[in-house]
Amino acid sequence: MYRYTERETEFRRDAPTALSYAALGCYTFWLYAFGPALALLREQLGFSYMLLGVHSALWSVGAALAGAAFAPAARRLTRPVLLWSSALVAVIGAALFALGGGIAFTLLGAGVLGLAGTMLLTVVQAVLSDRHGPRRERALTEANVVAGVCAVLAPLALGALAAAPGGWRTAFAVPVLGLGVLYLRFRRRPLPAPAEQFDAGRRSRLPLACWLFVAFVALGMAVEFCLVYFGAEQLTGTGLSTPAAATAMSSFYLGILAGRIAGAVATRRPGRTTALLHGSLALTAGGFLLFWLPAGPVVAVLGLLLCGLGIANLYPLSLALALDAAPGQQDQANARTQLLGGVLVVAAPYLLGTLADRVGLAGAFAIEPVLIGLCVLLLVGGLRAARSVAREDGPQRSGSSASGQPPAASREDTRRTSSGDASSSVA
């Protein structure tokens, strides 16, 4: 049975890692500003809940297209070309959404930003997986700590700037400046070579465990973004004004940040992924009940905070499980999470918005407990399928997966990933 050497499991925050963390932060600022911005936009333009759902659906359609396009694009283009071109198009999408004077521009901007922003996200995840191999769950969790900081700052910036002369739209320029600085700083830095992929004939056959974890990632995204897109609207039903509700959404993002910091500490030692995911799902369910119950704004905001704590590590840790379960097919597994995630994040918020127009927003939020329950089933099923594969493969797989769950990346994948040590340091 092959076991990773100390050299292969060494974790270093070098230049590609720093670039990936910062680029993810820029994308996350847009992502988490988008939901509260829709609430402010709806108040200004007076459109329905359903049209609010159309904006989020177009973002998600763009995300699904990015998921479909990433694997073939990654076979033809280098990581740097994918990274900087997706960043440029994302800037264009943000400008269309924030500066457009009517519904047509905001809808187009939402779609473009969803497409290019998700492509940027997927490239960042691929770079971190290439670079850190068996310790990818730690890299992904730390990257999402940076994302959590930006998630807290985004609604606060929107709330603070809503009454300023430039309005909330000026907040969308912050990631533009950040990406510009990153380009000037890192454009000439090399990125680690992608891990060796299987040949074309096997490329479409992802293992069952990987598919179950991919579905878990996607459903976790749906749980999160139903709250992101409609959380501020639900808070207005407790008596808060729209600007106050948009600002109060920061409690959700603060919970995400605190949860990811705790997750980053916990994943310094391998083998804790499963326990963290089970606990995260339980905490998400309990926090949502507090948010959902008609008990006033204080309890609702507290519930959002607990939801954030629970949701915080669902995405990075479930993604790490999906990538671990697809040795030699990480790009394909990475792309499938965004494709399926985009589809489900289209369906869930759109369904929630449509139901809200008919039965009220509180009644429509009943879809959240259903999604959380499905996440539990997929996690349990994926872990069982992964253990079954590990028993069948025996010595062909590593017994020391960084996530604590078999099957792990192959030896050749680890060797290629370790070549990323040649990348220059941050300093």
Protein backbone atom coordinates (compact mmCIF):
# COMPACT_ATOMS: atom_id res chain seq x y z
CA MET A 1 0.00 0.00 0.00
CA TYR A 2 1.51 3.34 -1.06
CA ARG A 3 1.78 6.03 1.61
CA TYR A 4 2.67 9.64 1.00
CA THR A 5 6.11 10.78 2.09
CA GLU A 6 6.65 13.74 4.37
CA ARG A 7 7.83 15.74 1.35
CA GLU A 8 4.67 14.94 -0.61
CA THR A 9 2.35 16.00 2.23
CA GLU A 10 4.24 19.19 3.08
CA PHE A 11 1.99 22.24 2.93
CA ARG A 12 3.52 25.48 1.59
CA ARG A 13 1.77 28.78 0.93
CA ASP A 14 3.76 29.84 -2.14
CA ALA A 15 3.01 32.30 -4.96
CA PRO A 16 0.36 30.18 -6.76
CA THR A 17 -1.36 29.59 -3.42
CA ALA A 18 -1.38 33.29 -2.52
CA LEU A 19 -2.68 34.23 -6.00
CA SER A 20 -5.43 31.63 -5.74
CA TYR A 21 -6.52 32.76 -2.28
CA ALA A 22 -6.69 36.42 -3.35
CA ALA A 23 -8.44 35.76 -6.68
CA LEU A 24 -11.06 33.68 -4.89
CA GLY A 25 -11.58 36.58 -2.48
CA CYS A 26 -12.27 38.97 -5.37
CA TYR A 27 -14.81 36.61 -6.90
CA THR A 28 -16.45 35.99 -3.51
CA PHE A 29 -16.92 39.71 -2.92
CA TRP A 30 -19.04 39.90 -6.08
CA LEU A 31 -20.84 36.68 -5.25
CA TYR A 32 -21.91 37.73 -1.77
CA ALA A 33 -22.63 41.30 -2.78
CA PHE A 34 -24.97 40.03 -5.46
CA GLY A 35 -27.80 38.83 -3.20
CA PRO A 36 -28.10 42.00 -1.05
CA ALA A 37 -27.65 44.10 -4.20
CA LEU A 38 -30.68 42.38 -5.71
CA ALA A 39 -32.76 43.40 -2.68
CA LEU A 40 -31.65 47.03 -3.11
CA LEU A 41 -32.19 46.82 -6.87
CA ARG A 42 -35.69 45.42 -6.39
CA GLU A 43 -36.55 48.30 -4.06
CA GLN A 44 -35.30 50.84 -6.64
CA LEU A 45 -36.87 49.28 -9.75
CA GLY A 46 -39.92 47.67 -8.15
CA PHE A 47 -39.78 44.24 -9.82
CA SER A 48 -41.30 41.02 -8.46
CA TYR A 49 -39.80 38.18 -6.46
CA MET A 50 -39.91 36.08 -9.62
CA LEU A 51 -37.76 38.59 -11.54
CA LEU A 52 -35.38 38.66 -8.61
CA GLY A 53 -35.18 34.89 -9.05
CA VAL A 54 -34.51 35.35 -12.78
CA HIS A 55 -31.38 37.38 -11.95
CA SER A 56 -30.09 34.62 -9.70
CA ALA A 57 -31.10 32.01 -12.28
CA LEU A 58 -29.09 33.76 -15.01
CA TRP A 59 -26.06 33.86 -12.72
CA SER A 60 -26.51 30.14 -12.16
CA VAL A 61 -26.97 29.41 -15.86
CA GLY A 62 -23.65 31.14 -16.42
CA ALA A 63 -22.14 29.02 -13.65
CA ALA A 64 -23.47 25.83 -15.27
CA LEU A 65 -22.02 26.85 -18.64
CA ALA A 66 -18.67 27.45 -16.96
CA GLY A 67 -18.84 23.97 -15.46
CA ALA A 68 -19.59 22.46 -18.87
CA ALA A 69 -16.79 24.40 -20.55
CA PHE A 70 -13.99 24.06 -18.00
CA ALA A 71 -12.77 20.51 -18.68
CA PRO A 72 -12.42 20.96 -22.48
CA ALA A 73 -10.98 24.46 -21.99
CA ALA A 74 -8.43 23.11 -19.50
CA ARG A 75 -7.25 20.56 -22.08
CA ARG A 76 -6.54 23.32 -24.62
CA LEU A 77 -5.50 26.34 -22.58
CA THR A 78 -2.94 26.85 -19.84
CA ARG A 79 -3.96 27.69 -16.30
CA PRO A 80 -2.67 31.30 -16.55
CA VAL A 81 -4.63 31.97 -19.76
CA LEU A 82 -7.81 30.60 -18.19
CA LEU A 83 -7.24 32.54 -14.98
CA TRP A 84 -6.63 36.01 -16.44
CA SER A 85 -9.14 35.77 -19.30
CA SER A 86 -11.94 34.73 -16.94
CA ALA A 87 -10.98 37.57 -14.58
CA LEU A 88 -11.22 40.10 -17.43
CA VAL A 89 -14.65 38.90 -18.55
CA ALA A 90 -15.86 38.88 -14.94
CA VAL A 91 -14.91 42.56 -14.67
CA ILE A 92 -17.02 43.27 -17.76
CA GLY A 93 -19.97 41.41 -16.26
CA ALA A 94 -19.70 43.31 -12.98
CA ALA A 95 -19.68 46.61 -14.89
CA LEU A 96 -22.81 45.63 -16.83
CA PHE A 97 -24.66 44.67 -13.64
CA ALA A 98 -23.61 47.67 -11.54
CA LEU A 99 -23.60 50.42 -14.15
CA GLY A 100 -26.44 49.33 -16.41
CA GLY A 101 -29.41 51.65 -16.27
CA GLY A 102 -32.18 49.08 -16.72
CA ILE A 103 -33.34 45.50 -16.25
CA ALA A 104 -31.81 44.30 -19.55
CA PHE A 105 -28.30 45.36 -18.49
CA THR A 106 -28.58 43.94 -14.97
CA LEU A 107 -29.83 40.61 -16.34
CA LEU A 108 -27.00 40.43 -18.89
CA GLY A 109 -24.45 41.40 -16.25
CA ALA A 110 -25.72 38.68 -13.91
CA GLY A 111 -25.28 36.03 -16.60
CA VAL A 112 -21.81 37.19 -17.68
CA LEU A 113 -20.61 37.50 -14.11
CA GLY A 114 -21.94 34.05 -13.29
CA LEU A 115 -20.15 32.54 -16.30
CA ALA A 116 -16.76 34.24 -15.98
CA GLY A 117 -16.75 34.39 -12.19
CA THR A 118 -17.44 30.66 -11.90
CA MET A 119 -14.74 29.93 -14.48
CA LEU A 120 -12.35 31.97 -12.32
CA LEU A 121 -13.46 30.02 -9.24
CA THR A 122 -12.96 26.69 -11.02
CA VAL A 123 -9.48 27.61 -12.25
CA VAL A 124 -8.50 28.68 -8.72
CA GLN A 125 -9.71 25.35 -7.32
CA ALA A 126 -7.78 23.49 -10.03
CA VAL A 127 -4.58 25.40 -9.25
CA LEU A 128 -4.89 24.63 -5.54
CA SER A 129 -5.57 20.96 -6.30
CA ASP A 130 -2.60 20.84 -8.70
CA ARG A 131 -0.34 22.46 -6.15
CA HIS A 132 -1.35 20.71 -2.93
CA GLY A 133 -2.57 17.26 -4.04
CA PRO A 134 -3.24 15.13 -0.94
CA ARG A 135 -3.54 18.26 1.21
CA ARG A 136 -6.04 19.96 -1.07
CA GLU A 137 -8.73 20.00 1.61
CA ARG A 138 -6.53 22.26 3.76
CA ALA A 139 -5.78 24.57 0.82
CA LEU A 140 -9.45 24.77 -0.18
CA THR A 141 -10.51 25.45 3.40
CA GLU A 142 -7.91 28.19 3.87
CA ALA A 143 -8.88 29.74 0.54
CA ASN A 144 -12.44 29.86 1.74
CA VAL A 145 -11.35 31.66 4.90
CA VAL A 146 -10.23 34.50 2.63
CA ALA A 147 -13.53 34.15 0.81
CA GLY A 148 -15.33 34.37 4.15
CA VAL A 149 -13.63 37.69 4.95
CA CYS A 150 -14.82 39.09 1.62
CA ALA A 151 -18.28 37.66 2.24
CA VAL A 152 -18.49 39.68 5.46
CA LEU A 153 -17.16 42.84 3.85
CA ALA A 154 -19.44 42.74 0.79
CA PRO A 155 -22.84 43.36 2.48
CA LEU A 156 -21.26 45.81 4.91
CA ALA A 157 -19.85 47.78 1.97
CA LEU A 158 -23.22 47.70 0.22
CA GLY A 159 -25.04 48.89 3.32
CA ALA A 160 -22.51 51.63 4.01
CA LEU A 161 -22.43 52.86 0.43
CA ALA A 162 -26.19 52.69 -0.15
CA ALA A 163 -26.60 56.16 1.37
CA ALA A 164 -23.37 57.57 -0.13
CA PRO A 165 -23.36 59.73 -3.29
CA GLY A 166 -22.08 56.90 -5.49
CA GLY A 167 -24.62 54.42 -4.10
CA TRP A 168 -24.21 50.69 -3.55
CA ARG A 169 -22.97 50.16 -7.11
CA THR A 170 -19.53 51.56 -6.27
CA ALA A 171 -18.89 48.50 -4.09
CA PHE A 172 -18.68 46.39 -7.24
CA ALA A 173 -15.47 48.23 -8.22
CA VAL A 174 -13.53 46.84 -5.22
CA PRO A 175 -12.80 43.41 -6.79
CA VAL A 176 -11.84 45.14 -10.05
CA LEU A 177 -9.06 46.98 -8.23
CA GLY A 178 -8.03 43.78 -6.47
CA LEU A 179 -7.74 41.78 -9.68
CA GLY A 180 -5.76 44.59 -11.27
CA VAL A 181 -3.22 44.49 -8.45
CA LEU A 182 -3.00 40.70 -8.68
CA TYR A 183 -2.36 40.86 -12.42
CA LEU A 184 0.48 43.34 -11.99
CA ARG A 185 1.98 41.29 -9.17
CA PHE A 186 1.60 37.71 -10.46
CA ARG A 187 1.19 37.82 -14.26
CA ARG A 188 4.73 36.50 -14.83
CA ARG A 189 4.67 33.90 -12.06
CA PRO A 190 4.46 30.22 -13.14
CA LEU A 191 1.60 28.01 -11.99
CA PRO A 192 2.00 24.30 -11.13
CA ALA A 193 1.50 21.79 -13.92
CA PRO A 194 -1.90 20.07 -13.91
CA ALA A 195 -2.01 16.56 -12.50
CA GLU A 196 -1.94 13.86 -15.15
CA GLN A 197 -5.43 13.14 -16.46
CA PHE A 198 -6.87 9.88 -17.78
CA ASP A 199 -7.17 9.43 -21.52
CA ALA A 200 -10.25 10.59 -23.44
CA GLY A 201 -11.83 7.16 -23.48
CA ARG A 202 -12.12 7.10 -19.70
CA ARG A 203 -12.71 10.78 -19.10
CA SER A 204 -16.50 10.58 -18.74
CA ARG A 205 -16.58 7.68 -16.28
CA LEU A 206 -16.35 9.27 -12.87
CA PRO A 207 -16.69 6.85 -9.92
CA LEU A 208 -20.03 6.57 -8.13
CA ALA A 209 -18.55 8.01 -4.94
CA CYS A 210 -17.37 11.06 -6.85
CA TRP A 211 -20.83 11.61 -8.37
CA LEU A 212 -22.47 11.38 -4.94
CA PHE A 213 -20.02 13.90 -3.51
CA VAL A 214 -20.51 16.15 -6.57
CA ALA A 215 -24.25 16.11 -5.90
CA PHE A 216 -23.55 16.89 -2.23
CA VAL A 217 -21.44 19.90 -3.26
CA ALA A 218 -24.22 21.13 -5.55
CA LEU A 219 -27.01 20.72 -3.00
CA GLY A 220 -24.91 22.46 -0.37
CA MET A 221 -24.54 25.37 -2.79
CA ALA A 222 -28.33 25.44 -3.25
CA VAL A 223 -28.87 25.56 0.54
CA GLU A 224 -26.43 28.44 0.85
CA PHE A 225 -27.63 30.57 -2.02
CA CYS A 226 -31.30 30.35 -1.20
CA LEU A 227 -30.27 32.20 1.96
CA VAL A 228 -27.88 34.50 0.11
CA TYR A 229 -30.49 35.58 -2.45
CA PHE A 230 -33.57 35.70 -0.22
CA GLY A 231 -32.23 36.08 3.31
CA ALA A 232 -32.43 39.89 3.28
CA GLU A 233 -36.03 39.74 2.01
CA GLN A 234 -36.99 37.35 4.81
CA LEU A 235 -35.43 39.68 7.38
CA THR A 236 -37.58 42.56 6.13
CA GLY A 237 -40.58 40.46 7.18
CA THR A 238 -39.36 40.66 10.79
CA GLY A 239 -39.66 44.45 10.78
CA LEU A 240 -36.23 45.54 9.53
CA SER A 241 -35.93 48.12 6.75
CA THR A 242 -34.42 46.97 3.46
CA PRO A 243 -31.02 48.66 4.03
CA ALA A 244 -30.94 47.33 7.62
CA ALA A 245 -31.80 43.83 6.42
CA ALA A 246 -29.07 43.97 3.75
CA THR A 247 -26.59 45.00 6.43
CA ALA A 248 -27.86 42.35 8.88
CA MET A 249 -27.00 39.67 6.31
CA SER A 250 -23.43 40.23 7.46
CA SER A 251 -24.28 37.98 10.44
CA PHE A 252 -24.61 35.08 7.98
CA TYR A 253 -21.27 35.88 6.38
CA LEU A 254 -19.65 36.43 9.77
CA GLY A 255 -20.79 32.94 10.72
CA ILE A 256 -19.28 31.61 7.51
CA LEU A 257 -15.99 33.35 8.25
CA ALA A 258 -15.84 32.05 11.84
CA GLY A 259 -16.75 28.54 10.68
CA ARG A 260 -14.06 28.52 8.01
CA ILE A 261 -11.40 29.76 10.40
CA ALA A 262 -12.34 26.88 12.71
CA GLY A 263 -12.31 24.52 9.73
CA ALA A 264 -8.85 25.71 8.66
CA VAL A 265 -7.55 24.95 12.13
CA ALA A 266 -9.27 21.55 12.25
CA THR A 267 -7.96 20.42 8.84
CA ARG A 268 -4.33 20.97 9.82
CA ARG A 269 -4.55 17.32 10.84
CA PRO A 270 -6.00 14.84 8.33
CA GLY A 271 -8.91 12.52 9.04
CA ARG A 272 -11.46 15.03 10.37
CA THR A 273 -13.47 15.72 7.23
CA THR A 274 -16.34 13.34 7.89
CA ALA A 275 -16.95 14.50 11.46
CA LEU A 276 -16.77 18.15 10.38
CA LEU A 277 -19.32 17.62 7.61
CA HIS A 278 -21.81 15.78 9.84
CA GLY A 279 -21.54 18.49 12.48
CA SER A 280 -21.87 21.24 9.87
CA LEU A 281 -25.11 19.79 8.51
CA ALA A 282 -26.60 19.49 12.03
CA LEU A 283 -25.67 23.08 12.85
CA THR A 284 -27.09 24.34 9.55
CA ALA A 285 -30.42 22.64 10.24
CA GLY A 286 -30.67 24.07 13.77
CA GLY A 287 -29.71 27.58 12.70
CA PHE A 288 -32.22 27.56 9.87
CA LEU A 289 -35.07 26.69 12.23
CA LEU A 290 -34.26 29.77 14.32
CA PHE A 291 -34.09 31.93 11.21
CA TRP A 292 -37.35 30.50 9.85
CA LEU A 293 -39.48 30.68 13.00
CA PRO A 294 -41.47 33.94 13.44
CA ALA A 295 -39.68 35.05 16.61
CA GLY A 296 -38.49 38.56 15.71
CA PRO A 297 -35.38 40.05 14.12
CA VAL A 298 -32.93 39.20 16.92
CA VAL A 299 -33.67 35.48 16.79
CA ALA A 300 -33.69 35.52 12.98
CA VAL A 301 -30.27 37.19 12.83
CA LEU A 302 -28.94 34.70 15.40
CA GLY A 303 -30.29 31.88 13.26
CA LEU A 304 -28.51 33.30 10.22
CA LEU A 305 -25.26 33.41 12.21
CA LEU A 306 -25.61 29.72 13.12
CA CYS A 307 -26.53 28.86 9.53
CA GLY A 308 -23.32 30.53 8.42
CA LEU A 309 -21.29 28.56 10.95
CA GLY A 310 -22.81 25.34 9.64
CA ILE A 311 -22.63 26.10 5.94
CA ALA A 312 -19.06 27.43 6.17
CA ASN A 313 -17.21 24.19 5.49
CA LEU A 314 -19.77 22.29 3.43
CA TYR A 315 -18.39 23.52 0.10
CA PRO A 316 -14.60 23.18 0.56
CA LEU A 317 -14.72 19.85 2.37
CA SER A 318 -17.31 18.21 0.12
CA LEU A 319 -15.36 19.46 -2.92
CA ALA A 320 -12.19 17.92 -1.48
CA LEU A 321 -14.02 14.60 -1.11
CA ALA A 322 -15.22 14.80 -4.74
CA LEU A 323 -11.69 15.47 -6.02
CA ASP A 324 -10.18 12.74 -3.82
CA ALA A 325 -12.71 10.28 -5.23
CA ALA A 326 -11.62 10.99 -8.84
CA PRO A 327 -7.87 10.24 -9.13
CA GLY A 328 -6.62 11.27 -12.58
CA GLN A 329 -9.93 13.02 -13.30
CA GLN A 330 -9.78 16.04 -11.00
CA ASP A 331 -10.48 18.61 -13.74
CA GLN A 332 -13.56 16.70 -14.80
CA ALA A 333 -14.82 16.29 -11.23
CA ASN A 334 -14.12 19.97 -10.54
CA ALA A 335 -16.10 20.96 -13.63
CA ARG A 336 -19.01 18.68 -12.78
CA THR A 337 -19.44 20.29 -9.37
CA GLN A 338 -19.89 23.69 -11.03
CA LEU A 339 -22.16 22.31 -13.76
CA LEU A 340 -24.50 20.50 -11.39
CA GLY A 341 -24.20 23.28 -8.83
CA GLY A 342 -25.20 25.83 -11.45
CA VAL A 343 -28.24 23.77 -12.41
CA LEU A 344 -29.41 23.32 -8.82
CA VAL A 345 -28.71 26.91 -7.89
CA VAL A 346 -30.90 27.86 -10.86
CA ALA A 347 -33.71 25.59 -9.74
CA ALA A 348 -33.74 26.19 -5.98
CA PRO A 349 -33.82 30.02 -5.80
CA TYR A 350 -36.11 30.25 -8.81
CA LEU A 351 -38.50 27.76 -7.22
CA LEU A 352 -38.26 29.61 -3.93
CA GLY A 353 -39.01 32.96 -5.61
CA THR A 354 -41.94 31.54 -7.59
CA LEU A 355 -43.42 29.93 -4.48
CA ALA A 356 -42.91 33.15 -2.51
CA ASP A 357 -45.08 35.06 -4.98
CA ARG A 358 -47.87 32.54 -4.28
CA VAL A 359 -47.59 31.44 -0.64
CA GLY A 360 -45.27 34.05 0.86
CA LEU A 361 -41.54 33.92 1.42
CA ALA A 362 -41.71 32.18 4.80
CA GLY A 363 -43.74 29.32 3.35
CA ALA A 364 -41.45 29.03 0.33
CA PHE A 365 -38.41 28.59 2.58
CA ALA A 366 -39.75 25.11 3.44
CA ILE A 367 -37.57 23.78 0.62
CA GLU A 368 -34.45 24.36 2.75
CA PRO A 369 -34.98 21.47 5.23
CA VAL A 370 -35.56 19.16 2.26
CA LEU A 371 -32.24 20.18 0.70
CA ILE A 372 -30.38 19.72 4.00
CA GLY A 373 -31.84 16.23 4.42
CA LEU A 374 -30.73 15.26 0.92
CA CYS A 375 -27.21 16.47 1.74
CA VAL A 376 -27.09 14.06 4.68
CA LEU A 377 -28.15 11.14 2.48
CA LEU A 378 -25.58 11.97 -0.21
CA LEU A 379 -22.76 12.27 2.32
CA VAL A 380 -23.57 8.89 3.86
CA GLY A 381 -23.93 7.26 0.43
CA GLY A 382 -20.72 8.78 -0.91
CA LEU A 383 -18.69 7.62 2.08
CA ARG A 384 -20.01 4.08 1.75
CA ALA A 385 -19.23 4.01 -1.98
CA ALA A 386 -15.72 5.35 -1.33
CA ARG A 387 -15.04 2.69 1.28
CA SER A 388 -16.26 0.01 -1.11
CA VAL A 389 -13.84 1.21 -3.79
CA ALA A 390 -10.98 1.32 -1.29
CA ARG A 391 -11.63 -2.31 -0.26
CA GLU A 392 -11.66 -3.42 -3.91
CA ASP A 393 -8.56 -1.48 -4.99
CA GLY A 394 -6.46 -2.27 -1.92
CA PRO A 395 -2.81 -1.39 -2.53
CA GLN A 396 -3.58 0.58 -5.69
CA ARG A 397 -4.85 3.43 -3.52
CA SER A 398 -3.20 5.42 -0.78
CA GLY A 399 -4.19 4.65 2.77
CA SER A 400 -3.53 8.18 4.00
CA SER A 401 -5.88 10.49 2.19
CA ALA A 402 -5.69 14.04 3.48
CA SER A 403 -9.45 14.14 3.79
CA GLY A 404 -9.46 10.98 5.85
CA GLN A 405 -11.59 9.23 3.21
CA PRO A 406 -10.53 6.78 0.48
CA PRO A 407 -9.94 6.74 -2.39
CA ALA A 408 -7.06 9.20 -2.48
CA ALA A 409 -5.18 10.71 -5.39
CA SER A 410 -2.90 8.35 -7.27
CA ARG A 411 0.86 8.26 -6.80
CA GLU A 412 1.43 9.78 -10.23
CA ASP A 413 -1.03 12.58 -9.42
CA THR A 414 0.88 13.28 -6.22
CA ARG A 415 4.21 13.27 -8.02
CA ARG A 416 2.96 15.78 -10.58
CA THR A 417 1.42 17.94 -7.88
CA SER A 418 4.65 17.95 -5.92
CA SER A 419 6.37 19.47 -8.94
CA GLY A 420 4.60 22.67 -7.97
CA ASP A 421 7.38 23.14 -5.40
CA ALA A 422 9.34 24.69 -8.25
CA SER A 423 7.00 27.69 -8.18
CA SER A 424 8.48 30.81 -6.71
CA SER A 425 7.59 31.84 -3.19
CA VAL A 426 5.28 34.68 -2.25
CA ALA A 427 8.09 36.86 -0.99
